């Protein structure tokens, strides 16, 4: 069974996220638990925590189908001592916020080497940071998201994701999120049916579907291998409708949150309905 939703607003408090998801007929959702463009945020109030949990329970949202996303400011691959400490502190706070809310999955971009470290040394630093954080905060799963390979970002290859999982070495507490726009921009051809099967087979061989904890379902404004992290609405970008219809019929993507981060939130309900029609 597919659990499709979108990255919904938490305007007015995190407790509004499940309400906003339900309003667009979503069966899963993603959210920021704080302002994603600020380092710090006030603690979650007891009222918001209780309301979030109550709304999730009332509307039928399981922790398995809620995918939190951390702040865009965090870079666990930054080798500058003070800046890395700031990022690690912020990442810990994100994990604690998920823990308090009963959210099981925290999705994040691995980090950037900033032309200071080699890619593998950057991956080692990120993994060390994640392992430290997971030892501090119980229950929450750290979910590495693949990147488009823009700038100095790591995490753009399946090998990078597998290396991170290997280095952290906490299989019950780690996983990956596959972003379709990022994968296509990084050079993984999801558009062609034959190549789609090759990409998915490679993913299973290198990373393993057992480690797939979520999908970001986005069309792409950029071409294959462009390294352009520019999302588009379903069927309106270079990936096209056939790609997403194929994914909706892929049983390997069952029972995990499939999240829209497409550019026009006014048509999310229509996009979700279209995606579900392809599951039939």
Protein backbone atom coordinates (compact mmCIF):
# COMPACT_ATOMS: atom_id res chain seq x y z
CA UNK A 1 0.00 0.00 0.00
CA UNK A 2 1.21 3.49 -0.81
CA UNK A 3 1.24 6.28 1.78
CA UNK A 4 1.38 9.54 -0.18
CA UNK A 5 1.43 13.06 1.20
CA UNK A 6 3.29 16.36 1.12
CA UNK A 7 5.58 18.55 3.17
CA UNK A 8 2.89 20.60 4.88
CA UNK A 9 2.99 23.88 6.77
CA UNK A 10 3.28 24.10 10.54
CA UNK A 11 2.20 27.72 10.61
CA UNK A 12 0.67 28.44 14.01
CA UNK A 13 2.27 25.37 15.60
CA UNK A 14 3.29 21.82 14.80
CA UNK A 15 -0.17 20.61 15.78
CA UNK A 16 -1.51 22.11 12.53
CA UNK A 17 0.62 19.81 10.32
CA UNK A 18 -1.66 16.72 10.56
CA UNK A 19 -4.69 18.96 9.98
CA UNK A 20 -3.10 20.44 6.87
CA UNK A 21 -2.20 16.95 5.64
CA UNK A 22 -5.73 15.69 6.14
CA UNK A 23 -7.12 18.68 4.24
CA UNK A 24 -5.31 17.52 1.06
CA UNK A 25 -6.27 13.84 1.53
CA UNK A 26 -2.72 12.85 2.40
CA UNK A 27 -1.97 9.50 4.06
CA UNK A 28 1.53 10.64 5.07
CA UNK A 29 3.18 13.99 5.65
CA UNK A 30 6.46 15.78 6.24
CA UNK A 31 7.09 18.84 8.37
CA UNK A 32 9.68 21.09 9.93
CA UNK A 33 9.41 21.04 13.71
CA UNK A 34 10.93 24.55 13.87
CA UNK A 35 11.80 27.40 11.53
CA UNK A 36 14.15 25.72 9.05
CA UNK A 37 16.14 28.89 8.41
CA UNK A 38 17.00 29.72 12.01
CA UNK A 39 19.51 28.05 14.29
CA UNK A 40 17.39 28.11 17.42
CA UNK A 41 13.73 28.03 18.30
CA UNK A 42 11.65 28.15 21.49
CA UNK A 43 10.98 24.76 23.07
CA UNK A 44 7.78 23.06 22.01
CA UNK A 45 4.97 23.78 24.46
CA UNK A 46 3.22 20.97 26.28
CA UNK A 47 -0.01 22.13 24.65
CA UNK A 48 1.45 21.86 21.11
CA UNK A 49 3.00 18.46 21.83
CA UNK A 50 -0.28 17.05 23.15
CA UNK A 51 -2.31 18.58 20.31
CA UNK A 52 0.09 17.21 17.67
CA UNK A 53 -0.14 13.70 19.09
CA UNK A 54 -3.91 13.91 19.47
CA UNK A 55 -4.40 15.19 15.91
CA UNK A 56 -2.17 12.44 14.50
CA UNK A 57 -4.07 9.77 16.40
CA UNK A 58 -7.48 11.21 15.50
CA UNK A 59 -6.62 11.46 11.81
CA UNK A 60 -4.84 8.12 11.61
CA UNK A 61 -1.25 9.22 10.99
CA UNK A 62 1.20 6.58 12.18
CA UNK A 63 4.76 7.57 13.19
CA UNK A 64 5.90 5.26 10.36
CA UNK A 65 4.40 7.69 7.84
CA UNK A 66 5.58 11.03 9.24
CA UNK A 67 8.91 12.29 7.91
CA UNK A 68 10.32 15.29 9.75
CA UNK A 69 12.98 17.41 7.99
CA UNK A 70 15.78 19.21 9.77
CA UNK A 71 17.05 22.77 9.28
CA UNK A 72 18.73 23.72 6.00
CA UNK A 73 21.44 25.49 8.02
CA UNK A 74 22.90 22.31 9.50
CA UNK A 75 26.12 20.99 7.92
CA UNK A 76 27.53 18.01 9.79
CA UNK A 77 30.35 17.87 7.24
CA UNK A 78 31.78 21.26 8.22
CA UNK A 79 35.28 20.71 9.61
CA UNK A 80 35.49 24.14 11.26
CA UNK A 81 35.37 23.27 14.97
CA UNK A 82 32.95 25.99 16.08
CA UNK A 83 30.65 25.72 13.07
CA UNK A 84 30.55 21.96 13.33
CA UNK A 85 29.65 22.22 17.02
CA UNK A 86 26.83 24.60 16.14
CA UNK A 87 25.51 22.19 13.52
CA UNK A 88 25.75 19.19 15.83
CA UNK A 89 23.95 21.06 18.62
CA UNK A 90 21.17 22.01 16.19
CA UNK A 91 20.93 18.44 14.90
CA UNK A 92 20.60 17.13 18.45
CA UNK A 93 17.81 19.63 19.07
CA UNK A 94 16.02 18.41 15.92
CA UNK A 95 16.26 14.81 17.15
CA UNK A 96 14.95 15.75 20.59
CA UNK A 97 12.02 17.64 19.08
CA UNK A 98 11.11 14.53 17.06
CA UNK A 99 11.48 12.35 20.13
CA UNK A 100 9.20 14.59 22.19
CA UNK A 101 6.57 14.63 19.44
CA UNK A 102 6.70 10.87 18.95
CA UNK A 103 8.08 11.28 15.41
CA UNK A 104 10.16 8.30 14.36
CA UNK A 105 11.94 9.60 11.22
CA UNK A 106 14.19 12.65 10.84
CA UNK A 107 15.23 13.32 7.24
CA UNK A 108 18.29 15.47 6.49
CA UNK A 109 20.82 16.36 3.80
CA UNK A 110 24.13 14.74 4.79
CA UNK A 111 26.37 17.81 4.46
CA UNK A 112 29.06 19.56 2.42
CA UNK A 113 32.85 19.33 2.45
CA UNK A 114 33.26 23.02 1.47
CA UNK A 115 36.48 22.14 -0.43
CA UNK A 116 38.25 21.58 2.89
CA UNK A 117 37.90 17.81 3.32
CA UNK A 118 37.97 14.97 0.83
CA UNK A 119 34.56 13.47 0.16
CA UNK A 120 35.34 10.36 2.21
CA UNK A 121 36.70 12.37 5.13
CA UNK A 122 33.54 14.45 4.99
CA UNK A 123 31.41 11.30 5.05
CA UNK A 124 33.40 10.07 8.06
CA UNK A 125 32.81 13.33 9.92
CA UNK A 126 29.08 13.25 9.15
CA UNK A 127 28.79 9.62 10.25
CA UNK A 128 30.70 10.29 13.47
CA UNK A 129 28.36 13.20 14.20
CA UNK A 130 25.23 11.18 13.52
CA UNK A 131 26.42 8.26 15.63
CA UNK A 132 27.15 10.63 18.53
CA UNK A 133 23.72 12.24 18.20
CA UNK A 134 21.87 8.92 18.04
CA UNK A 135 23.64 7.76 21.18
CA UNK A 136 22.33 10.89 22.92
CA UNK A 137 18.71 10.71 21.70
CA UNK A 138 16.70 7.45 21.76
CA UNK A 139 14.20 6.02 19.28
CA UNK A 140 14.44 8.49 16.36
CA UNK A 141 15.84 7.18 13.05
CA UNK A 142 18.34 9.38 11.16
CA UNK A 143 17.35 9.34 7.47
CA UNK A 144 20.01 10.43 4.98
CA UNK A 145 18.56 12.11 1.88
CA UNK A 146 20.36 11.80 -1.45
CA UNK A 147 21.42 15.13 -2.95
CA UNK A 148 21.66 16.48 -6.50
CA UNK A 149 25.43 16.87 -6.17
CA UNK A 150 25.31 20.63 -6.38
CA UNK A 151 28.25 22.60 -5.06
CA UNK A 152 30.27 20.67 -2.51
CA UNK A 153 27.41 18.52 -1.22
CA UNK A 154 28.05 14.85 -0.55
CA UNK A 155 25.36 12.19 -0.61
CA UNK A 156 24.70 12.39 -4.35
CA UNK A 157 25.62 8.77 -5.06
CA UNK A 158 24.26 5.48 -3.79
CA UNK A 159 27.82 4.67 -2.75
CA UNK A 160 27.88 7.76 -0.50
CA UNK A 161 24.62 6.69 1.16
CA UNK A 162 25.87 3.15 1.67
CA UNK A 163 29.15 4.46 3.10
CA UNK A 164 27.29 6.61 5.62
CA UNK A 165 25.15 3.68 6.75
CA UNK A 166 28.26 1.53 7.06
CA UNK A 167 30.19 4.14 9.05
CA UNK A 168 27.39 4.89 11.50
CA UNK A 169 26.82 1.15 11.92
CA UNK A 170 23.48 1.49 13.67
CA UNK A 171 21.13 -0.23 11.19
CA UNK A 172 18.03 0.04 13.39
CA UNK A 173 18.56 3.79 13.80
CA UNK A 174 19.51 4.83 10.24
CA UNK A 175 17.99 4.81 6.78
CA UNK A 176 17.76 6.76 3.55
CA UNK A 177 15.24 8.90 1.70
CA UNK A 178 15.30 8.80 -2.10
CA UNK A 179 14.53 12.15 -3.72
CA UNK A 180 13.55 11.68 -7.38
CA UNK A 181 14.57 15.18 -8.54
CA UNK A 182 17.92 14.90 -6.78
CA UNK A 183 18.57 11.41 -8.15
CA UNK A 184 17.80 12.45 -11.73
CA UNK A 185 19.90 15.60 -11.40
CA UNK A 186 22.76 13.48 -10.03
CA UNK A 187 22.67 11.26 -13.12
CA UNK A 188 20.31 8.40 -12.19
CA UNK A 189 17.95 7.90 -15.13
CA UNK A 190 14.56 7.21 -13.59
CA UNK A 191 12.74 8.37 -16.74
CA UNK A 192 13.37 5.45 -19.08
CA UNK A 193 11.64 2.20 -18.08
CA UNK A 194 14.67 -0.02 -18.67
CA UNK A 195 17.03 2.41 -16.95
CA UNK A 196 14.58 2.79 -14.05
CA UNK A 197 14.91 -0.93 -13.34
CA UNK A 198 18.69 -0.68 -13.53
CA UNK A 199 18.72 2.28 -11.11
CA UNK A 200 16.47 0.49 -8.67
CA UNK A 201 18.49 -2.72 -8.92
CA UNK A 202 21.67 -0.73 -8.28
CA UNK A 203 20.01 0.95 -5.31
CA UNK A 204 19.04 -2.41 -3.85
CA UNK A 205 22.52 -3.85 -4.42
CA UNK A 206 24.42 -0.86 -3.03
CA UNK A 207 22.08 0.60 -0.38
CA UNK A 208 19.31 -1.98 0.02
CA UNK A 209 15.57 -1.42 0.00
CA UNK A 210 15.58 -2.57 3.62
CA UNK A 211 17.15 0.84 4.36
CA UNK A 212 14.63 2.91 2.37
CA UNK A 213 12.60 4.87 4.94
CA UNK A 214 10.98 7.44 2.65
CA UNK A 215 10.71 8.99 -0.81
CA UNK A 216 10.57 12.63 -1.89
CA UNK A 217 8.51 12.57 -5.07
CA UNK A 218 9.44 15.59 -7.18
CA UNK A 219 9.63 16.28 -10.89
CA UNK A 220 12.79 18.05 -12.04
CA UNK A 221 13.35 21.34 -13.84
CA UNK A 222 16.87 20.23 -14.73
CA UNK A 223 18.03 17.59 -17.17
CA UNK A 224 19.63 14.24 -16.36
CA UNK A 225 22.97 14.81 -14.65
CA UNK A 226 22.50 18.59 -14.47
CA UNK A 227 23.17 18.71 -10.66
CA UNK A 228 20.36 21.29 -10.57
CA UNK A 229 18.28 21.04 -7.39
CA UNK A 230 15.11 22.56 -8.82
CA UNK A 231 11.85 20.76 -8.18
CA UNK A 232 8.81 20.86 -10.43
CA UNK A 233 5.19 19.71 -10.23
CA UNK A 234 4.41 16.10 -11.10
CA UNK A 235 4.42 15.62 -14.88
CA UNK A 236 5.48 19.19 -15.59
CA UNK A 237 9.23 18.68 -15.47
CA UNK A 238 11.80 16.62 -17.33
CA UNK A 239 10.87 13.35 -15.57
CA UNK A 240 7.26 13.34 -16.78
CA UNK A 241 4.13 11.46 -15.73
CA UNK A 242 5.28 8.02 -16.86
CA UNK A 243 8.08 8.02 -14.31
CA UNK A 244 5.70 8.61 -11.43
CA UNK A 245 3.09 6.17 -12.71
CA UNK A 246 5.84 3.55 -12.82
CA UNK A 247 6.83 4.36 -9.24
CA UNK A 248 3.27 4.13 -7.99
CA UNK A 249 3.08 0.58 -9.36
CA UNK A 250 6.42 -0.39 -7.77
CA UNK A 251 5.75 -2.56 -4.67
CA UNK A 252 9.25 -1.79 -3.38
CA UNK A 253 7.91 1.64 -2.43
CA UNK A 254 5.01 0.34 -0.34
CA UNK A 255 4.46 1.19 3.33
CA UNK A 256 6.85 4.16 3.55
CA UNK A 257 6.07 7.91 3.47
CA UNK A 258 6.06 9.21 -0.12
CA UNK A 259 6.26 12.97 0.16
CA UNK A 260 5.61 15.71 -2.40
CA UNK A 261 7.91 18.72 -2.26
CA UNK A 262 6.61 19.98 -5.58
CA UNK A 263 6.51 23.70 -6.23
CA UNK A 264 2.78 24.48 -6.27
CA UNK A 265 1.12 23.60 -2.98
CA UNK A 266 -2.27 24.68 -4.33
CA UNK A 267 -2.41 21.51 -6.48
CA UNK A 268 -1.04 19.03 -3.93
CA UNK A 269 -4.48 17.51 -3.41
CA UNK A 270 -4.86 16.97 -7.17
CA UNK A 271 -1.34 15.55 -7.41
CA UNK A 272 -2.02 13.12 -4.56
CA UNK A 273 -5.28 12.02 -6.18
CA UNK A 274 -3.49 11.49 -9.52
CA UNK A 275 -0.74 9.47 -7.88
CA UNK A 276 -3.27 7.25 -6.10
CA UNK A 277 -5.13 6.68 -9.38
CA UNK A 278 -1.90 5.22 -10.80
CA UNK A 279 -1.69 2.75 -7.91
CA UNK A 280 -4.81 0.97 -9.16
